[in-house]
Amino acid sequence: NDNAEIVELVEKPETFVSDQAVIGIYYFKDVAVLKGKLQ
């Protein structure tokens, strides 16, 4: 978005979304939040 925050993940976009590719490394301030969502 305009604040340089990620608002969506798009897999192999047919029209231009951005040129920033996800490389498979993530940081979580509290990974327990992700754990809850994955559960």
ModelCIF file with pLDDT and N, C-alpha, C, O atoms, coordinates in Angstrom:
data_MODEL
#
_entry.id   MODEL 
#
_entity.id                         1 
_entity.type                       polymer 
_entity.pdbx_number_of_molecules   1 
#
_entity_poly.entity_id                      1 
_entity_poly.type                           'polypeptide(L)' 
_entity_poly.nstd_linkage                   no 
_entity_poly.nstd_monomer                   no 
_entity_poly.pdbx_seq_one_letter_code       NDNAEIVELVEKPETFVSDQAVIGIYYFKDVAVLKGKLQ 
_entity_poly.pdbx_seq_one_letter_code_can   NDNAEIVELVEKPETFVSDQAVIGIYYFKDVAVLKGKLQ 
_entity_poly.pdbx_strand_id                 A 
#
loop_
_entity_poly_seq.entity_id 
_entity_poly_seq.num 
_entity_poly_seq.mon_id 
_entity_poly_seq.hetero 
1 1  ASN n 
1 2  ASP n 
1 3  ASN n 
1 4  ALA n 
1 5  GLU n 
1 6  ILE n 
1 7  VAL n 
1 8  GLU n 
1 9  LEU n 
1 10 VAL n 
1 11 GLU n 
1 12 LYS n 
1 13 PRO n 
1 14 GLU n 
1 15 THR n 
1 16 PHE n 
1 17 VAL n 
1 18 SER n 
1 19 ASP n 
1 20 GLN n 
1 21 ALA n 
1 22 VAL n 
1 23 ILE n 
1 24 GLY n 
1 25 ILE n 
1 26 TYR n 
1 27 TYR n 
1 28 PHE n 
1 29 LYS n 
1 30 ASP n 
1 31 VAL n 
1 32 ALA n 
1 33 VAL n 
1 34 LEU n 
1 35 LYS n 
1 36 GLY n 
1 37 LYS n 
1 38 LEU n 
1 39 GLN n 
#
_struct_asym.id          A 
_struct_asym.entity_id   1 
#
loop_
_ma_qa_metric.id 
_ma_qa_metric.mode 
_ma_qa_metric.name 
_ma_qa_metric.software_group_id 
_ma_qa_metric.type 
1 global pLDDT . pLDDT 
2 local  pLDDT . pLDDT 
#
_ma_qa_metric_global.metric_id      1 
_ma_qa_metric_global.metric_value   95.33 
_ma_qa_metric_global.model_id       1 
_ma_qa_metric_global.ordinal_id     1 
#
loop_
_ma_qa_metric_local.label_asym_id 
_ma_qa_metric_local.label_comp_id 
_ma_qa_metric_local.label_seq_id 
_ma_qa_metric_local.metric_id 
_ma_qa_metric_local.metric_value 
_ma_qa_metric_local.model_id 
_ma_qa_metric_local.ordinal_id 
A ASN 1  2 95.00 1 1  
A ASP 2  2 94.00 1 2  
A ASN 3  2 93.00 1 3  
A ALA 4  2 92.00 1 4  
A GLU 5  2 95.00 1 5  
A ILE 6  2 97.00 1 6  
A VAL 7  2 96.00 1 7  
A GLU 8  2 95.00 1 8  
A LEU 9  2 95.00 1 9  
A VAL 10 2 94.00 1 10 
A GLU 11 2 92.00 1 11 
A LYS 12 2 92.00 1 12 
A PRO 13 2 93.00 1 13 
A GLU 14 2 92.00 1 14 
A THR 15 2 93.00 1 15 
A PHE 16 2 93.00 1 16 
A VAL 17 2 93.00 1 17 
A SER 18 2 94.00 1 18 
A ASP 19 2 94.00 1 19 
A GLN 20 2 95.00 1 20 
A ALA 21 2 95.00 1 21 
A VAL 22 2 95.00 1 22 
A ILE 23 2 94.00 1 23 
A GLY 24 2 93.00 1 24 
A ILE 25 2 95.00 1 25 
A TYR 26 2 97.00 1 26 
A TYR 27 2 97.00 1 27 
A PHE 28 2 98.00 1 28 
A LYS 29 2 97.00 1 29 
A ASP 30 2 98.00 1 30 
A VAL 31 2 98.00 1 31 
A ALA 32 2 98.00 1 32 
A VAL 33 2 98.00 1 33 
A LEU 34 2 98.00 1 34 
A LYS 35 2 98.00 1 35 
A GLY 36 2 98.00 1 36 
A LYS 37 2 98.00 1 37 
A LEU 38 2 98.00 1 38 
A GLN 39 2 98.00 1 39 
#
loop_
_atom_site.group_PDB 
_atom_site.id 
_atom_site.type_symbol 
_atom_site.label_atom_id 
_atom_site.label_alt_id 
_atom_site.label_comp_id 
_atom_site.label_asym_id 
_atom_site.label_entity_id 
_atom_site.label_seq_id 
_atom_site.pdbx_PDB_ins_code 
_atom_site.Cartn_x 
_atom_site.Cartn_y 
_atom_site.Cartn_z 
_atom_site.occupancy 
_atom_site.B_iso_or_equiv 
_atom_site.pdbx_formal_charge 
_atom_site.auth_seq_id 
_atom_site.auth_comp_id 
_atom_site.auth_asym_id 
_atom_site.auth_atom_id 
_atom_site.pdbx_PDB_model_num 
ATOM 1   N N  . ASN A 1 1  ? 0.842  -1.199  0.000   1.00 95.00 ? 1  ASN A N  1 
ATOM 2   C CA . ASN A 1 1  ? 0.000  0.000   0.000   1.00 95.00 ? 1  ASN A CA 1 
ATOM 3   C C  . ASN A 1 1  ? 0.875  1.245   0.000   1.00 95.00 ? 1  ASN A C  1 
ATOM 4   O O  . ASN A 1 1  ? 2.094  1.148   -0.135  1.00 95.00 ? 1  ASN A O  1 
ATOM 5   N N  . ASP A 1 2  ? 0.263  2.407   0.150   1.00 94.00 ? 2  ASP A N  1 
ATOM 6   C CA . ASP A 1 2  ? 1.010  3.664   0.100   1.00 94.00 ? 2  ASP A CA 1 
ATOM 7   C C  . ASP A 1 2  ? 1.966  3.844   1.271   1.00 94.00 ? 2  ASP A C  1 
ATOM 8   O O  . ASP A 1 2  ? 2.864  4.685   1.218   1.00 94.00 ? 2  ASP A O  1 
ATOM 9   N N  . ASN A 1 3  ? 1.777  3.054   2.337   1.00 93.00 ? 3  ASN A N  1 
ATOM 10  C CA . ASN A 1 3  ? 2.664  3.120   3.501   1.00 93.00 ? 3  ASN A CA 1 
ATOM 11  C C  . ASN A 1 3  ? 3.765  2.059   3.445   1.00 93.00 ? 3  ASN A C  1 
ATOM 12  O O  . ASN A 1 3  ? 4.437  1.797   4.443   1.00 93.00 ? 3  ASN A O  1 
ATOM 13  N N  . ALA A 1 4  ? 3.943  1.452   2.267   1.00 92.00 ? 4  ALA A N  1 
ATOM 14  C CA . ALA A 1 4  ? 4.943  0.398   2.059   1.00 92.00 ? 4  ALA A CA 1 
ATOM 15  C C  . ALA A 1 4  ? 4.675  -0.811  2.954   1.00 92.00 ? 4  ALA A C  1 
ATOM 16  O O  . ALA A 1 4  ? 5.603  -1.519  3.347   1.00 92.00 ? 4  ALA A O  1 
ATOM 17  N N  . GLU A 1 5  ? 3.410  -1.040  3.269   1.00 95.00 ? 5  GLU A N  1 
ATOM 18  C CA . GLU A 1 5  ? 3.003  -2.219  4.023   1.00 95.00 ? 5  GLU A CA 1 
ATOM 19  C C  . GLU A 1 5  ? 2.486  -3.278  3.060   1.00 95.00 ? 5  GLU A C  1 
ATOM 20  O O  . GLU A 1 5  ? 1.849  -2.961  2.055   1.00 95.00 ? 5  GLU A O  1 
ATOM 21  N N  . ILE A 1 6  ? 2.766  -4.537  3.376   1.00 97.00 ? 6  ILE A N  1 
ATOM 22  C CA . ILE A 1 6  ? 2.281  -5.631  2.536   1.00 97.00 ? 6  ILE A CA 1 
ATOM 23  C C  . ILE A 1 6  ? 0.804  -5.869  2.849   1.00 97.00 ? 6  ILE A C  1 
ATOM 24  O O  . ILE A 1 6  ? 0.427  -6.104  3.997   1.00 97.00 ? 6  ILE A O  1 
ATOM 25  N N  . VAL A 1 7  ? -0.011 -5.804  1.817   1.00 96.00 ? 7  VAL A N  1 
ATOM 26  C CA . VAL A 1 7  ? -1.446 -6.008  2.018   1.00 96.00 ? 7  VAL A CA 1 
ATOM 27  C C  . VAL A 1 7  ? -1.961 -7.262  1.325   1.00 96.00 ? 7  VAL A C  1 
ATOM 28  O O  . VAL A 1 7  ? -3.099 -7.676  1.547   1.00 96.00 ? 7  VAL A O  1 
ATOM 29  N N  . GLU A 1 8  ? -1.118 -7.871  0.477   1.00 95.00 ? 8  GLU A N  1 
ATOM 30  C CA . GLU A 1 8  ? -1.575 -9.055  -0.239  1.00 95.00 ? 8  GLU A CA 1 
ATOM 31  C C  . GLU A 1 8  ? -0.371 -9.845  -0.752  1.00 95.00 ? 8  GLU A C  1 
ATOM 32  O O  . GLU A 1 8  ? 0.667  -9.276  -1.093  1.00 95.00 ? 8  GLU A O  1 
ATOM 33  N N  . LEU A 1 9  ? -0.535 -11.175 -0.799  1.00 95.00 ? 9  LEU A N  1 
ATOM 34  C CA . LEU A 1 9  ? 0.438  -12.056 -1.439  1.00 95.00 ? 9  LEU A CA 1 
ATOM 35  C C  . LEU A 1 9  ? -0.196 -12.590 -2.712  1.00 95.00 ? 9  LEU A C  1 
ATOM 36  O O  . LEU A 1 9  ? -1.294 -13.145 -2.680  1.00 95.00 ? 9  LEU A O  1 
ATOM 37  N N  . VAL A 1 10 ? 0.497  -12.423 -3.833  1.00 94.00 ? 10 VAL A N  1 
ATOM 38  C CA . VAL A 1 10 ? -0.057 -12.819 -5.127  1.00 94.00 ? 10 VAL A CA 1 
ATOM 39  C C  . VAL A 1 10 ? 0.903  -13.797 -5.797  1.00 94.00 ? 10 VAL A C  1 
ATOM 40  O O  . VAL A 1 10 ? 2.079  -13.492 -5.995  1.00 94.00 ? 10 VAL A O  1 
ATOM 41  N N  . GLU A 1 11 ? 0.391  -14.968 -6.139  1.00 92.00 ? 11 GLU A N  1 
ATOM 42  C CA . GLU A 1 11 ? 1.223  -16.000 -6.742  1.00 92.00 ? 11 GLU A CA 1 
ATOM 43  C C  . GLU A 1 11 ? 1.222  -15.881 -8.260  1.00 92.00 ? 11 GLU A C  1 
ATOM 44  O O  . GLU A 1 11 ? 0.169  -15.974 -8.891  1.00 92.00 ? 11 GLU A O  1 
ATOM 45  N N  . LYS A 1 12 ? 2.390  -15.678 -8.845  1.00 92.00 ? 12 LYS A N  1 
ATOM 46  C CA . LYS A 1 12 ? 2.588  -15.596 -10.297 1.00 92.00 ? 12 LYS A CA 1 
ATOM 47  C C  . LYS A 1 12 ? 1.530  -14.718 -10.971 1.00 92.00 ? 12 LYS A C  1 
ATOM 48  O O  . LYS A 1 12 ? 0.712  -15.216 -11.744 1.00 92.00 ? 12 LYS A O  1 
ATOM 49  N N  . PRO A 1 13 ? 1.544  -13.424 -10.681 1.00 93.00 ? 13 PRO A N  1 
ATOM 50  C CA . PRO A 1 13 ? 0.507  -12.521 -11.211 1.00 93.00 ? 13 PRO A CA 1 
ATOM 51  C C  . PRO A 1 13 ? 0.576  -12.385 -12.729 1.00 93.00 ? 13 PRO A C  1 
ATOM 52  O O  . PRO A 1 13 ? 1.657  -12.231 -13.299 1.00 93.00 ? 13 PRO A O  1 
ATOM 53  N N  . GLU A 1 14 ? -0.590 -12.442 -13.381 1.00 92.00 ? 14 GLU A N  1 
ATOM 54  C CA . GLU A 1 14 ? -0.646 -12.278 -14.838 1.00 92.00 ? 14 GLU A CA 1 
ATOM 55  C C  . GLU A 1 14 ? -0.523 -10.808 -15.224 1.00 92.00 ? 14 GLU A C  1 
ATOM 56  O O  . GLU A 1 14 ? -0.019 -10.493 -16.302 1.00 92.00 ? 14 GLU A O  1 
ATOM 57  N N  . THR A 1 15 ? -0.975 -9.913  -14.361 1.00 93.00 ? 15 THR A N  1 
ATOM 58  C CA . THR A 1 15 ? -0.784 -8.481  -14.561 1.00 93.00 ? 15 THR A CA 1 
ATOM 59  C C  . THR A 1 15 ? 0.114  -7.963  -13.443 1.00 93.00 ? 15 THR A C  1 
ATOM 60  O O  . THR A 1 15 ? 0.177  -8.564  -12.371 1.00 93.00 ? 15 THR A O  1 
ATOM 61  N N  . PHE A 1 16 ? 0.808  -6.854  -13.682 1.00 93.00 ? 16 PHE A N  1 
ATOM 62  C CA . PHE A 1 16 ? 1.817  -6.368  -12.744 1.00 93.00 ? 16 PHE A CA 1 
ATOM 63  C C  . PHE A 1 16 ? 1.200  -5.994  -11.393 1.00 93.00 ? 16 PHE A C  1 
ATOM 64  O O  . PHE A 1 16 ? 0.234  -5.234  -11.321 1.00 93.00 ? 16 PHE A O  1 
ATOM 65  N N  . VAL A 1 17 ? 1.776  -6.542  -10.338 1.00 93.00 ? 17 VAL A N  1 
ATOM 66  C CA . VAL A 1 17 ? 1.395  -6.216  -8.956  1.00 93.00 ? 17 VAL A CA 1 
ATOM 67  C C  . VAL A 1 17 ? 2.551  -5.504  -8.274  1.00 93.00 ? 17 VAL A C  1 
ATOM 68  O O  . VAL A 1 17 ? 2.378  -4.419  -7.718  1.00 93.00 ? 17 VAL A O  1 
ATOM 69  N N  . SER A 1 18 ? 3.735  -6.118  -8.317  1.00 94.00 ? 18 SER A N  1 
ATOM 70  C CA . SER A 1 18 ? 4.977  -5.516  -7.849  1.00 94.00 ? 18 SER A CA 1 
ATOM 71  C C  . SER A 1 18 ? 6.119  -6.364  -8.374  1.00 94.00 ? 18 SER A C  1 
ATOM 72  O O  . SER A 1 18 ? 5.909  -7.454  -8.907  1.00 94.00 ? 18 SER A O  1 
ATOM 73  N N  . ASP A 1 19 ? 7.332  -5.849  -8.215  1.00 94.00 ? 19 ASP A N  1 
ATOM 74  C CA . ASP A 1 19 ? 8.500  -6.637  -8.641  1.00 94.00 ? 19 ASP A CA 1 
ATOM 75  C C  . ASP A 1 19 ? 9.271  -7.182  -7.456  1.00 94.00 ? 19 ASP A C  1 
ATOM 76  O O  . ASP A 1 19 ? 10.445 -7.530  -7.582  1.00 94.00 ? 19 ASP A O  1 
ATOM 77  N N  . GLN A 1 20 ? 8.608  -7.259  -6.283  1.00 95.00 ? 20 GLN A N  1 
ATOM 78  C CA . GLN A 1 20 ? 9.237  -7.780  -5.077  1.00 95.00 ? 20 GLN A CA 1 
ATOM 79  C C  . GLN A 1 20 ? 8.797  -9.227  -4.865  1.00 95.00 ? 20 GLN A C  1 
ATOM 80  O O  . GLN A 1 20 ? 7.665  -9.484  -4.456  1.00 95.00 ? 20 GLN A O  1 
ATOM 81  N N  . ALA A 1 21 ? 9.698  -10.172 -5.147  1.00 95.00 ? 21 ALA A N  1 
ATOM 82  C CA . ALA A 1 21 ? 9.388  -11.591 -5.044  1.00 95.00 ? 21 ALA A CA 1 
ATOM 83  C C  . ALA A 1 21 ? 9.658  -12.106 -3.640  1.00 95.00 ? 21 ALA A C  1 
ATOM 84  O O  . ALA A 1 21 ? 10.642 -11.723 -3.008  1.00 95.00 ? 21 ALA A O  1 
ATOM 85  N N  . VAL A 1 22 ? 8.787  -12.968 -3.160  1.00 95.00 ? 22 VAL A N  1 
ATOM 86  C CA . VAL A 1 22 ? 8.946  -13.614 -1.856  1.00 95.00 ? 22 VAL A CA 1 
ATOM 87  C C  . VAL A 1 22 ? 10.005 -14.711 -1.983  1.00 95.00 ? 22 VAL A C  1 
ATOM 88  O O  . VAL A 1 22 ? 9.915  -15.559 -2.871  1.00 95.00 ? 22 VAL A O  1 
ATOM 89  N N  . ILE A 1 23 ? 11.009 -14.696 -1.097  1.00 94.00 ? 23 ILE A N  1 
ATOM 90  C CA . ILE A 1 23 ? 12.123 -15.645 -1.233  1.00 94.00 ? 23 ILE A CA 1 
ATOM 91  C C  . ILE A 1 23 ? 12.055 -16.806 -0.236  1.00 94.00 ? 23 ILE A C  1 
ATOM 92  O O  . ILE A 1 23 ? 12.894 -17.705 -0.283  1.00 94.00 ? 23 ILE A O  1 
ATOM 93  N N  . GLY A 1 24 ? 11.068 -16.797 0.664   1.00 93.00 ? 24 GLY A N  1 
ATOM 94  C CA . GLY A 1 24 ? 10.932 -17.918 1.588   1.00 93.00 ? 24 GLY A CA 1 
ATOM 95  C C  . GLY A 1 24 ? 11.589 -17.724 2.930   1.00 93.00 ? 24 GLY A C  1 
ATOM 96  O O  . GLY A 1 24 ? 11.916 -18.699 3.606   1.00 93.00 ? 24 GLY A O  1 
ATOM 97  N N  . ILE A 1 25 ? 11.793 -16.454 3.339   1.00 95.00 ? 25 ILE A N  1 
ATOM 98  C CA . ILE A 1 25 ? 12.322 -16.144 4.671   1.00 95.00 ? 25 ILE A CA 1 
ATOM 99  C C  . ILE A 1 25 ? 11.408 -15.104 5.297   1.00 95.00 ? 25 ILE A C  1 
ATOM 100 O O  . ILE A 1 25 ? 11.098 -14.089 4.674   1.00 95.00 ? 25 ILE A O  1 
ATOM 101 N N  . TYR A 1 26 ? 10.969 -15.357 6.542   1.00 97.00 ? 26 TYR A N  1 
ATOM 102 C CA . TYR A 1 26 ? 9.972  -14.517 7.201   1.00 97.00 ? 26 TYR A CA 1 
ATOM 103 C C  . TYR A 1 26 ? 10.406 -14.226 8.637   1.00 97.00 ? 26 TYR A C  1 
ATOM 104 O O  . TYR A 1 26 ? 10.974 -15.088 9.307   1.00 97.00 ? 26 TYR A O  1 
ATOM 105 N N  . TYR A 1 27 ? 10.134 -13.009 9.102   1.00 97.00 ? 27 TYR A N  1 
ATOM 106 C CA . TYR A 1 27 ? 10.340 -12.657 10.504  1.00 97.00 ? 27 TYR A CA 1 
ATOM 107 C C  . TYR A 1 27 ? 8.978  -12.390 11.140  1.00 97.00 ? 27 TYR A C  1 
ATOM 108 O O  . TYR A 1 27 ? 8.120  -11.747 10.536  1.00 97.00 ? 27 TYR A O  1 
ATOM 109 N N  . PHE A 1 28 ? 8.785  -12.885 12.357  1.00 98.00 ? 28 PHE A N  1 
ATOM 110 C CA . PHE A 1 28 ? 7.570  -12.631 13.122  1.00 98.00 ? 28 PHE A CA 1 
ATOM 111 C C  . PHE A 1 28 ? 7.955  -12.101 14.497  1.00 98.00 ? 28 PHE A C  1 
ATOM 112 O O  . PHE A 1 28 ? 8.740  -12.715 15.220  1.00 98.00 ? 28 PHE A O  1 
ATOM 113 N N  . LYS A 1 29 ? 7.388  -10.952 14.839  1.00 97.00 ? 29 LYS A N  1 
ATOM 114 C CA . LYS A 1 29 ? 7.669  -10.369 16.157  1.00 97.00 ? 29 LYS A CA 1 
ATOM 115 C C  . LYS A 1 29 ? 7.239  -11.333 17.257  1.00 97.00 ? 29 LYS A C  1 
ATOM 116 O O  . LYS A 1 29 ? 7.905  -11.438 18.287  1.00 97.00 ? 29 LYS A O  1 
ATOM 117 N N  . ASP A 1 30 ? 6.119  -12.044 17.042  1.00 98.00 ? 30 ASP A N  1 
ATOM 118 C CA . ASP A 1 30 ? 5.700  -13.126 17.933  1.00 98.00 ? 30 ASP A CA 1 
ATOM 119 C C  . ASP A 1 30 ? 5.158  -14.245 17.057  1.00 98.00 ? 30 ASP A C  1 
ATOM 120 O O  . ASP A 1 30 ? 4.026  -14.174 16.579  1.00 98.00 ? 30 ASP A O  1 
ATOM 121 N N  . VAL A 1 31 ? 5.962  -15.269 16.851  1.00 98.00 ? 31 VAL A N  1 
ATOM 122 C CA . VAL A 1 31 ? 5.593  -16.338 15.936  1.00 98.00 ? 31 VAL A CA 1 
ATOM 123 C C  . VAL A 1 31 ? 4.412  -17.150 16.467  1.00 98.00 ? 31 VAL A C  1 
ATOM 124 O O  . VAL A 1 31 ? 3.818  -17.935 15.728  1.00 98.00 ? 31 VAL A O  1 
ATOM 125 N N  . ALA A 1 32 ? 4.066  -16.965 17.754  1.00 98.00 ? 32 ALA A N  1 
ATOM 126 C CA . ALA A 1 32 ? 2.902  -17.651 18.305  1.00 98.00 ? 32 ALA A CA 1 
ATOM 127 C C  . ALA A 1 32 ? 1.610  -17.198 17.620  1.00 98.00 ? 32 ALA A C  1 
ATOM 128 O O  . ALA A 1 32 ? 0.636  -17.949 17.567  1.00 98.00 ? 32 ALA A O  1 
ATOM 129 N N  . VAL A 1 33 ? 1.605  -15.984 17.103  1.00 98.00 ? 33 VAL A N  1 
ATOM 130 C CA . VAL A 1 33 ? 0.427  -15.497 16.379  1.00 98.00 ? 33 VAL A CA 1 
ATOM 131 C C  . VAL A 1 33 ? 0.243  -16.307 15.096  1.00 98.00 ? 33 VAL A C  1 
ATOM 132 O O  . VAL A 1 33 ? -0.869 -16.727 14.775  1.00 98.00 ? 33 VAL A O  1 
ATOM 133 N N  . LEU A 1 34 ? 1.335  -16.524 14.368  1.00 98.00 ? 34 LEU A N  1 
ATOM 134 C CA . LEU A 1 34 ? 1.259  -17.371 13.176  1.00 98.00 ? 34 LEU A CA 1 
ATOM 135 C C  . LEU A 1 34 ? 0.852  -18.784 13.560  1.00 98.00 ? 34 LEU A C  1 
ATOM 136 O O  . LEU A 1 34 ? 0.043  -19.408 12.872  1.00 98.00 ? 34 LEU A O  1 
ATOM 137 N N  . LYS A 1 35 ? 1.408  -19.293 14.653  1.00 98.00 ? 35 LYS A N  1 
ATOM 138 C CA . LYS A 1 35 ? 1.057  -20.644 15.105  1.00 98.00 ? 35 LYS A CA 1 
ATOM 139 C C  . LYS A 1 35 ? -0.447 -20.774 15.305  1.00 98.00 ? 35 LYS A C  1 
ATOM 140 O O  . LYS A 1 35 ? -1.044 -21.774 14.908  1.00 98.00 ? 35 LYS A O  1 
ATOM 141 N N  . GLY A 1 36 ? -1.056 -19.770 15.915  1.00 98.00 ? 36 GLY A N  1 
ATOM 142 C CA . GLY A 1 36 ? -2.499 -19.809 16.134  1.00 98.00 ? 36 GLY A CA 1 
ATOM 143 C C  . GLY A 1 36 ? -3.278 -19.856 14.831  1.00 98.00 ? 36 GLY A C  1 
ATOM 144 O O  . GLY A 1 36 ? -4.252 -20.597 14.703  1.00 98.00 ? 36 GLY A O  1 
ATOM 145 N N  . LYS A 1 37 ? -2.841 -19.057 13.867  1.00 98.00 ? 37 LYS A N  1 
ATOM 146 C CA . LYS A 1 37 ? -3.539 -19.027 12.580  1.00 98.00 ? 37 LYS A CA 1 
ATOM 147 C C  . LYS A 1 37 ? -3.340 -20.331 11.814  1.00 98.00 ? 37 LYS A C  1 
ATOM 148 O O  . LYS A 1 37 ? -4.273 -20.829 11.185  1.00 98.00 ? 37 LYS A O  1 
ATOM 149 N N  . LEU A 1 38 ? -2.125 -20.889 11.864  1.00 98.00 ? 38 LEU A N  1 
ATOM 150 C CA . LEU A 1 38 ? -1.893 -22.157 11.187  1.00 98.00 ? 38 LEU A CA 1 
ATOM 151 C C  . LEU A 1 38 ? -2.658 -23.297 11.855  1.00 98.00 ? 38 LEU A C  1 
ATOM 152 O O  . LEU A 1 38 ? -3.077 -24.239 11.182  1.00 98.00 ? 38 LEU A O  1 
ATOM 153 N N  . GLN A 1 39 ? -2.842 -23.219 13.172  1.00 98.00 ? 39 GLN A N  1 
ATOM 154 C CA . GLN A 1 39 ? -3.647 -24.240 13.850  1.00 98.00 ? 39 GLN A CA 1 
ATOM 155 C C  . GLN A 1 39 ? -5.089 -24.196 13.356  1.00 98.00 ? 39 GLN A C  1 
ATOM 156 O O  . GLN A 1 39 ? -5.921 -24.981 13.810  1.00 98.00 ? 39 GLN A O  1 
#
